[in-house]
Amino acid sequence: MVPEELKYTQEHEWVVRTDDGADKVRIGITDFAQRQLGDVVFVQLPEVGETVKAGQALGEVESTKSVSDIYAPLDGEVVARNDALDQQPDLVNSDPYGAGWLVVLKLSDPSGVDQLLDAQAYRELAEQE
């Protein structure tokens, strides 16, 4: 499942602009990524107010199989985090594109979203792995 309206990264994260401004994006991990991880048991997220750079680890997802870093897809400031994951980390598995979202970033450069993979390019990447 690869929703057409989202943008994607090589690290299997998705990005979508939020309704409250072109400079804010919601980020999560893809269905492909959560299936590779297995049952998610813990999610560590950055605090609101933290500044992140593209490519920098901004948290991690721990599953029954492994621990994987979550990378910032773009430069920005964390303006929201999904606190529901503190109690229900399995939302990442059951609803990766909805209730399992991770953080919202206020972007330093909103045009960076246009440089990310579209759904077709991401499908091709996932098929190669």
N, C-alpha and C. Protein backbone atom coordinates (compact mmCIF):
# COMPACT_ATOMS: atom_id res chain seq x y z
N MET A 1 0.85 -1.19 0.00
CA MET A 1 0.00 0.00 0.00
C MET A 1 0.89 1.25 0.00
N VAL A 2 0.78 2.04 -1.05
CA VAL A 2 1.57 3.26 -1.20
C VAL A 2 0.62 4.39 -1.64
N PRO A 3 0.09 5.16 -0.67
CA PRO A 3 -0.83 6.24 -1.03
C PRO A 3 -0.21 7.24 -2.01
N GLU A 4 -0.98 7.57 -3.05
CA GLU A 4 -0.50 8.45 -4.12
C GLU A 4 -0.21 9.88 -3.66
N GLU A 5 -0.96 10.38 -2.67
CA GLU A 5 -0.86 11.79 -2.29
C GLU A 5 0.35 12.10 -1.41
N LEU A 6 1.09 11.08 -0.99
CA LEU A 6 2.22 11.29 -0.10
C LEU A 6 3.53 11.37 -0.89
N LYS A 7 4.55 11.91 -0.24
CA LYS A 7 5.92 11.88 -0.75
C LYS A 7 6.70 10.91 0.14
N TYR A 8 7.82 10.40 -0.36
CA TYR A 8 8.54 9.33 0.33
C TYR A 8 10.04 9.58 0.32
N THR A 9 10.73 8.89 1.24
CA THR A 9 12.19 8.97 1.30
C THR A 9 12.80 7.61 1.01
N GLN A 10 14.08 7.60 0.73
CA GLN A 10 14.83 6.36 0.53
C GLN A 10 14.85 5.52 1.81
N GLU A 11 14.64 6.18 2.95
CA GLU A 11 14.68 5.50 4.25
C GLU A 11 13.31 4.99 4.68
N HIS A 12 12.36 4.98 3.75
CA HIS A 12 11.02 4.41 3.98
C HIS A 12 10.17 5.23 4.96
N GLU A 13 10.28 6.54 4.83
CA GLU A 13 9.39 7.43 5.57
C GLU A 13 8.47 8.12 4.57
N TRP A 14 7.30 8.50 5.06
CA TRP A 14 6.36 9.26 4.22
C TRP A 14 6.24 10.68 4.78
N VAL A 15 5.86 11.59 3.88
CA VAL A 15 5.73 13.00 4.22
C VAL A 15 4.48 13.53 3.54
N VAL A 16 3.69 14.31 4.27
CA VAL A 16 2.52 14.96 3.67
C VAL A 16 2.37 16.34 4.30
N ARG A 17 2.02 17.31 3.46
CA ARG A 17 1.77 18.66 3.98
C ARG A 17 0.52 18.62 4.86
N THR A 18 0.55 19.37 5.96
CA THR A 18 -0.61 19.42 6.84
C THR A 18 -1.60 20.45 6.32
N ASP A 19 -2.79 20.42 6.88
CA ASP A 19 -3.83 21.35 6.45
C ASP A 19 -3.60 22.77 6.94
N ASP A 20 -2.74 22.94 7.95
CA ASP A 20 -2.59 24.28 8.54
C ASP A 20 -1.36 25.03 8.03
N GLY A 21 -0.93 24.75 6.82
CA GLY A 21 0.14 25.56 6.25
C GLY A 21 1.07 24.77 5.36
N ALA A 22 1.54 25.41 4.31
CA ALA A 22 2.42 24.75 3.35
C ALA A 22 3.81 24.49 3.93
N ASP A 23 4.12 25.14 5.07
CA ASP A 23 5.46 24.96 5.64
C ASP A 23 5.50 23.86 6.70
N LYS A 24 4.39 23.13 6.91
CA LYS A 24 4.36 22.06 7.91
C LYS A 24 4.05 20.73 7.24
N VAL A 25 4.78 19.69 7.68
CA VAL A 25 4.56 18.34 7.15
C VAL A 25 4.44 17.34 8.29
N ARG A 26 3.59 16.35 8.08
CA ARG A 26 3.47 15.21 8.99
C ARG A 26 4.33 14.09 8.42
N ILE A 27 5.00 13.36 9.31
CA ILE A 27 5.95 12.32 8.91
C ILE A 27 5.60 11.02 9.62
N GLY A 28 5.79 9.92 8.91
CA GLY A 28 5.62 8.60 9.50
C GLY A 28 6.49 7.61 8.75
N ILE A 29 6.39 6.34 9.13
CA ILE A 29 7.09 5.31 8.38
C ILE A 29 6.08 4.58 7.50
N THR A 30 6.56 4.05 6.40
CA THR A 30 5.67 3.43 5.42
C THR A 30 5.19 2.05 5.87
N ASP A 31 4.17 1.59 5.19
CA ASP A 31 3.66 0.24 5.42
C ASP A 31 4.77 -0.78 5.17
N PHE A 32 5.55 -0.58 4.13
CA PHE A 32 6.69 -1.46 3.84
C PHE A 32 7.64 -1.52 5.04
N ALA A 33 7.97 -0.36 5.60
CA ALA A 33 8.91 -0.29 6.72
C ALA A 33 8.35 -1.00 7.95
N GLN A 34 7.07 -0.77 8.26
CA GLN A 34 6.53 -1.40 9.47
C GLN A 34 6.46 -2.92 9.31
N ARG A 35 6.22 -3.40 8.08
CA ARG A 35 6.19 -4.85 7.85
C ARG A 35 7.60 -5.44 8.02
N GLN A 36 8.62 -4.71 7.58
CA GLN A 36 10.00 -5.18 7.73
C GLN A 36 10.40 -5.22 9.21
N LEU A 37 9.91 -4.26 9.97
CA LEU A 37 10.26 -4.19 11.39
C LEU A 37 9.60 -5.29 12.21
N GLY A 38 8.36 -5.64 11.89
CA GLY A 38 7.60 -6.55 12.73
C GLY A 38 6.84 -5.76 13.78
N ASP A 39 6.46 -6.43 14.85
CA ASP A 39 5.62 -5.80 15.89
C ASP A 39 6.39 -4.70 16.62
N VAL A 40 5.92 -3.46 16.48
CA VAL A 40 6.56 -2.32 17.13
C VAL A 40 6.16 -2.30 18.61
N VAL A 41 7.17 -2.22 19.49
CA VAL A 41 6.92 -2.26 20.93
C VAL A 41 7.30 -0.95 21.63
N PHE A 42 8.05 -0.07 20.94
CA PHE A 42 8.47 1.19 21.55
C PHE A 42 8.84 2.18 20.46
N VAL A 43 8.45 3.43 20.65
CA VAL A 43 8.81 4.49 19.72
C VAL A 43 9.39 5.65 20.53
N GLN A 44 10.59 6.08 20.16
CA GLN A 44 11.23 7.24 20.79
C GLN A 44 11.15 8.40 19.80
N LEU A 45 10.53 9.49 20.23
CA LEU A 45 10.35 10.66 19.36
C LEU A 45 11.05 11.87 19.96
N PRO A 46 11.41 12.84 19.12
CA PRO A 46 12.02 14.07 19.64
C PRO A 46 10.98 14.91 20.36
N GLU A 47 11.45 15.84 21.16
CA GLU A 47 10.56 16.76 21.86
C GLU A 47 10.16 17.92 20.95
N VAL A 48 8.99 18.47 21.20
CA VAL A 48 8.56 19.66 20.48
C VAL A 48 9.58 20.77 20.73
N GLY A 49 9.94 21.47 19.67
CA GLY A 49 10.92 22.55 19.77
C GLY A 49 12.30 22.15 19.29
N GLU A 50 12.56 20.85 19.17
CA GLU A 50 13.86 20.40 18.66
C GLU A 50 13.99 20.76 17.19
N THR A 51 15.19 21.16 16.79
CA THR A 51 15.50 21.45 15.39
C THR A 51 16.25 20.26 14.82
N VAL A 52 15.86 19.85 13.61
CA VAL A 52 16.49 18.69 12.97
C VAL A 52 16.99 19.07 11.58
N LYS A 53 18.00 18.37 11.14
CA LYS A 53 18.56 18.52 9.80
C LYS A 53 18.23 17.27 8.99
N ALA A 54 18.02 17.44 7.70
CA ALA A 54 17.74 16.30 6.83
C ALA A 54 18.83 15.26 6.97
N GLY A 55 18.42 13.99 7.12
CA GLY A 55 19.36 12.90 7.26
C GLY A 55 19.77 12.59 8.68
N GLN A 56 19.44 13.49 9.61
CA GLN A 56 19.78 13.31 11.01
C GLN A 56 18.77 12.37 11.67
N ALA A 57 19.23 11.48 12.54
CA ALA A 57 18.32 10.63 13.30
C ALA A 57 17.50 11.51 14.23
N LEU A 58 16.17 11.35 14.18
CA LEU A 58 15.33 12.16 15.07
C LEU A 58 14.57 11.31 16.07
N GLY A 59 14.76 10.01 16.01
CA GLY A 59 14.12 9.11 16.95
C GLY A 59 14.40 7.69 16.53
N GLU A 60 13.71 6.74 17.19
CA GLU A 60 13.87 5.35 16.79
C GLU A 60 12.61 4.56 17.06
N VAL A 61 12.50 3.47 16.32
CA VAL A 61 11.39 2.54 16.45
C VAL A 61 11.98 1.20 16.85
N GLU A 62 11.48 0.66 17.96
CA GLU A 62 11.96 -0.64 18.44
C GLU A 62 10.87 -1.67 18.21
N SER A 63 11.26 -2.78 17.62
CA SER A 63 10.30 -3.86 17.36
C SER A 63 10.81 -5.14 18.01
N THR A 64 10.04 -6.20 17.86
CA THR A 64 10.46 -7.49 18.39
C THR A 64 11.68 -8.01 17.64
N LYS A 65 11.94 -7.48 16.43
CA LYS A 65 13.08 -7.92 15.62
C LYS A 65 14.32 -7.06 15.77
N SER A 66 14.13 -5.73 15.87
CA SER A 66 15.29 -4.84 15.81
C SER A 66 14.94 -3.43 16.30
N VAL A 67 15.95 -2.58 16.32
CA VAL A 67 15.78 -1.16 16.60
C VAL A 67 16.23 -0.41 15.35
N SER A 68 15.40 0.50 14.85
CA SER A 68 15.73 1.25 13.64
C SER A 68 15.61 2.75 13.91
N ASP A 69 16.57 3.50 13.39
CA ASP A 69 16.51 4.95 13.49
C ASP A 69 15.44 5.50 12.56
N ILE A 70 14.86 6.61 12.96
CA ILE A 70 13.96 7.40 12.11
C ILE A 70 14.77 8.63 11.71
N TYR A 71 14.82 8.91 10.41
CA TYR A 71 15.63 10.02 9.94
C TYR A 71 14.75 11.19 9.51
N ALA A 72 15.22 12.39 9.79
CA ALA A 72 14.51 13.59 9.34
C ALA A 72 14.60 13.66 7.82
N PRO A 73 13.47 13.74 7.13
CA PRO A 73 13.52 13.82 5.67
C PRO A 73 13.90 15.21 5.17
N LEU A 74 13.69 16.22 6.01
CA LEU A 74 13.93 17.62 5.64
C LEU A 74 14.37 18.39 6.88
N ASP A 75 14.95 19.58 6.67
CA ASP A 75 15.33 20.45 7.78
C ASP A 75 14.08 21.11 8.36
N GLY A 76 14.04 21.21 9.69
CA GLY A 76 12.91 21.91 10.29
C GLY A 76 12.89 21.79 11.80
N GLU A 77 11.79 22.28 12.37
CA GLU A 77 11.58 22.26 13.82
C GLU A 77 10.39 21.36 14.12
N VAL A 78 10.55 20.51 15.11
CA VAL A 78 9.45 19.64 15.54
C VAL A 78 8.40 20.51 16.23
N VAL A 79 7.20 20.55 15.67
CA VAL A 79 6.12 21.36 16.25
C VAL A 79 5.01 20.49 16.85
N ALA A 80 5.05 19.18 16.60
CA ALA A 80 4.11 18.25 17.23
C ALA A 80 4.72 16.86 17.18
N ARG A 81 4.36 16.07 18.18
CA ARG A 81 4.77 14.66 18.22
C ARG A 81 3.54 13.84 18.56
N ASN A 82 3.50 12.61 18.12
CA ASN A 82 2.35 11.75 18.35
C ASN A 82 2.49 11.08 19.71
N ASP A 83 1.99 11.76 20.75
CA ASP A 83 2.11 11.24 22.11
C ASP A 83 1.35 9.94 22.31
N ALA A 84 0.37 9.64 21.46
CA ALA A 84 -0.38 8.39 21.58
C ALA A 84 0.54 7.17 21.44
N LEU A 85 1.67 7.35 20.74
CA LEU A 85 2.60 6.23 20.54
C LEU A 85 3.32 5.84 21.82
N ASP A 86 3.33 6.73 22.82
CA ASP A 86 3.94 6.38 24.10
C ASP A 86 3.22 5.20 24.73
N GLN A 87 1.90 5.19 24.62
CA GLN A 87 1.09 4.12 25.20
C GLN A 87 0.71 3.04 24.19
N GLN A 88 0.65 3.41 22.90
CA GLN A 88 0.22 2.49 21.86
C GLN A 88 1.19 2.48 20.68
N PRO A 89 2.42 2.00 20.88
CA PRO A 89 3.39 2.00 19.77
C PRO A 89 2.94 1.15 18.59
N ASP A 90 2.04 0.19 18.84
CA ASP A 90 1.56 -0.68 17.77
C ASP A 90 0.70 0.05 16.74
N LEU A 91 0.34 1.32 17.00
CA LEU A 91 -0.36 2.11 15.98
C LEU A 91 0.48 2.24 14.72
N VAL A 92 1.80 2.19 14.88
CA VAL A 92 2.70 2.25 13.72
C VAL A 92 2.44 1.06 12.80
N ASN A 93 2.11 -0.09 13.39
CA ASN A 93 1.80 -1.29 12.61
C ASN A 93 0.37 -1.25 12.05
N SER A 94 -0.59 -0.92 12.90
CA SER A 94 -1.99 -1.05 12.51
C SER A 94 -2.47 0.08 11.60
N ASP A 95 -1.85 1.25 11.68
CA ASP A 95 -2.31 2.39 10.88
C ASP A 95 -1.13 3.31 10.55
N PRO A 96 -0.15 2.81 9.75
CA PRO A 96 1.07 3.59 9.53
C PRO A 96 0.85 4.93 8.84
N TYR A 97 -0.20 5.06 8.03
CA TYR A 97 -0.45 6.32 7.32
C TYR A 97 -1.48 7.20 8.01
N GLY A 98 -1.99 6.76 9.16
CA GLY A 98 -3.00 7.52 9.88
C GLY A 98 -2.58 7.75 11.32
N ALA A 99 -3.21 7.02 12.24
CA ALA A 99 -2.97 7.20 13.67
C ALA A 99 -1.53 6.89 14.08
N GLY A 100 -0.77 6.20 13.22
CA GLY A 100 0.62 5.87 13.54
C GLY A 100 1.64 6.89 13.09
N TRP A 101 1.19 8.11 12.75
CA TRP A 101 2.15 9.16 12.36
C TRP A 101 3.12 9.43 13.50
N LEU A 102 4.26 10.04 13.19
CA LEU A 102 5.30 10.25 14.20
C LEU A 102 5.42 11.70 14.66
N VAL A 103 5.77 12.61 13.76
CA VAL A 103 5.98 14.01 14.14
C VAL A 103 5.47 14.93 13.04
N VAL A 104 5.30 16.21 13.42
CA VAL A 104 5.04 17.29 12.46
C VAL A 104 6.23 18.23 12.51
N LEU A 105 6.78 18.54 11.33
CA LEU A 105 7.89 19.48 11.23
C LEU A 105 7.43 20.78 10.59
N LYS A 106 7.92 21.90 11.12
CA LYS A 106 7.81 23.19 10.43
C LYS A 106 9.10 23.32 9.64
N LEU A 107 8.97 23.34 8.32
CA LEU A 107 10.13 23.24 7.44
C LEU A 107 10.90 24.55 7.32
N SER A 108 12.22 24.44 7.27
CA SER A 108 13.08 25.59 6.98
C SER A 108 12.90 26.01 5.53
N ASP A 109 12.74 25.02 4.63
CA ASP A 109 12.57 25.28 3.20
C ASP A 109 11.45 24.38 2.67
N PRO A 110 10.21 24.91 2.61
CA PRO A 110 9.08 24.09 2.17
C PRO A 110 9.22 23.49 0.78
N SER A 111 10.05 24.05 -0.07
CA SER A 111 10.19 23.52 -1.43
C SER A 111 10.93 22.17 -1.42
N GLY A 112 11.57 21.83 -0.32
CA GLY A 112 12.27 20.56 -0.22
C GLY A 112 11.36 19.36 -0.40
N VAL A 113 10.08 19.51 -0.08
CA VAL A 113 9.12 18.41 -0.24
C VAL A 113 9.09 17.94 -1.69
N ASP A 114 9.23 18.88 -2.61
CA ASP A 114 9.17 18.55 -4.04
C ASP A 114 10.32 17.67 -4.50
N GLN A 115 11.39 17.60 -3.72
CA GLN A 115 12.55 16.79 -4.09
C GLN A 115 12.41 15.33 -3.64
N LEU A 116 11.39 15.03 -2.83
CA LEU A 116 11.22 13.67 -2.33
C LEU A 116 10.60 12.77 -3.40
N LEU A 117 10.61 11.46 -3.17
CA LEU A 117 10.08 10.50 -4.13
C LEU A 117 8.55 10.58 -4.21
N ASP A 118 8.02 10.41 -5.42
CA ASP A 118 6.57 10.27 -5.55
C ASP A 118 6.21 8.81 -5.33
N ALA A 119 4.92 8.49 -5.34
CA ALA A 119 4.46 7.14 -5.03
C ALA A 119 5.05 6.09 -5.98
N GLN A 120 5.10 6.41 -7.26
CA GLN A 120 5.63 5.45 -8.23
C GLN A 120 7.11 5.16 -7.99
N ALA A 121 7.89 6.20 -7.76
CA ALA A 121 9.32 6.01 -7.50
C ALA A 121 9.53 5.23 -6.21
N TYR A 122 8.69 5.48 -5.20
CA TYR A 122 8.84 4.74 -3.95
C TYR A 122 8.47 3.27 -4.14
N ARG A 123 7.41 2.99 -4.91
CA ARG A 123 7.03 1.59 -5.17
C ARG A 123 8.19 0.84 -5.82
N GLU A 124 8.86 1.50 -6.78
CA GLU A 124 9.99 0.87 -7.46
C GLU A 124 11.14 0.61 -6.47
N LEU A 125 11.39 1.54 -5.56
CA LEU A 125 12.42 1.37 -4.55
C LEU A 125 12.09 0.18 -3.67
N ALA A 126 10.87 0.11 -3.18
CA ALA A 126 10.46 -0.96 -2.26
C ALA A 126 10.53 -2.33 -2.96
N GLU A 127 10.19 -2.38 -4.24
CA GLU A 127 10.24 -3.64 -4.98
C GLU A 127 11.67 -4.16 -5.12
N GLN A 128 12.63 -3.24 -5.16
CA GLN A 128 14.03 -3.64 -5.32
C GLN A 128 14.62 -4.21 -4.02
N GLU A 129 13.97 -3.92 -2.90
CA GLU A 129 14.54 -4.36 -1.60
C GLU A 129 14.04 -5.68 -1.22
